[in-house]
Amino acid sequence: MNRVLESVPDVNFDIRRDDFGDLQTEEMLVNMGPQHPATHGVLRVVLRTDGEMVMEAVPYIGYLHRCAEKIGENLQPYQWIPKTDRMDYIAAMNNNHTFSLAIEQLCGIDVPERGKYIRIIAAELNRLASHLVSFGTYGLDMGAFTPFLHAFRERERILDLLEAMCGARLTYSYIYPGGPQWDLPDGFVQTCGEFLDYFEPKIDEYNELLSYNHIFVRRTANVGVVSPELALAYGLSGPVLRGSGVRWDLRRVRPYDIYERFEFDVPIGVDGGSDGVPDEVVVGDCWNRYFVRMLEMKQSVRILRQALAQMPTDGDFKAKVPKNVKLPKSSIYFEGENPRGQLGFYVEGDGSPIPYRIKARGPSFCNLSVLHELCHEVLLADVPAIIGSIDIVMGEVDR
């Protein structure tokens, strides 16, 4: 052993980068996905790396493309509702709701009061379930397993409520043009109210568990910063836009259905040091995009409490709409506030029961477009943090 040590030459450990002279590193292209667990679906991202640094990231989409819009041009609107479920399968109620509103405005369909409240309740419950998935899986992306268990424990209770409404737990096909398919079951209002009493304090527990965790803050604060100008230039919406400090929520600025009847706030991203926000946080970073969703869950609870209290106790809940209703020779473009941002549907009729043209504007598709701007000269470990903060659903990106 001593002979081996004696044969080792003296090593100068005081080596500086300049000592390498003309030595050049070599860049490498790395495929992240489409199977990588941190890509939130079948997304392929080609990374141009220099060691641990990512110099460029280019997303490649289309692995889940199913021709949803073209299928919609061969079906009557009520037949296409299940297809909207499968675009954003984490927020299917919100997709049903937005498309139904587009058809109602195009055809002049008026929904009974009770029906309007029922679908607001369904949409906000699904918003809670969607944000819980985002919270839990983002913790997994950052190496924290426990928040995932907490999030899905509460999400199961929300799915119990949605199952009581329509019999399904993921793809609901519940909200149709004219109103919900079925009335609320007996005792639903009380059960939902009891759940909200149980759930609201849990949000503070989530924040103690993950939001203010020192390691989580270091992984997300001042990472992937999106300025308000950049967010608007790329057409970002939802928590991604509001995380950059832009107070824009369609439920508030352009109220649809009956959202103008409810009192709620629109959370936005803030700099560190205010209201208990960690000092390292910067407006528009990954932490703010994540935390806006945590604050939005409290606002959805407020909306749900008001909707349960204001909803008529009886009366019709669904308009009488014939299945073969003819779409007028006109067009409509309608946007609603999906948990991921502005979801829009363009529908053009030609006088027949089948739309001449259907086009969807998916928030995840637009939000993903800014990825290459954010993944420039960041660490390889920052890429899952950035993608997770955008909260994409690939079924809605590819359609």
Foldseek 3Di string as FASTA:
>chain_A
DVVVVVPDDDDDPPDDPCVVPPDDFDWDWDWCACVHLLLQHRKIWIFTDGVQWTAFIDIDFQPQFDCLFVVLLVDFQLVSLLVQCLLFQLQSLQSQVQSLVFQCVQQVADADQLQLLVSLLVRLLSLLSLLLCLLQVLCVLLPHNVSVVVSVVLSVLSQVLLCQQAVDRTRGSAAHNFGGPDHHDPPSLVSVVVSLVVCPVVLVVSCVVALPDPSNCVLWAPALADALVNCVVLVAFALLNQLNVDQDACCPPPNPRPSVVFDFGQHGHDAPDPPPRHNRHDRRILSSLSVSSSRVNNRSSRVNVVSSVPRDPDDDNGDDDDSFDARDQAKGKTWHQHNLGTKIWIFGGDGGSRTNGIDIDFNLLSLCVCLRVRSRGDGNSSSSSNSSSSSHNSSNNND
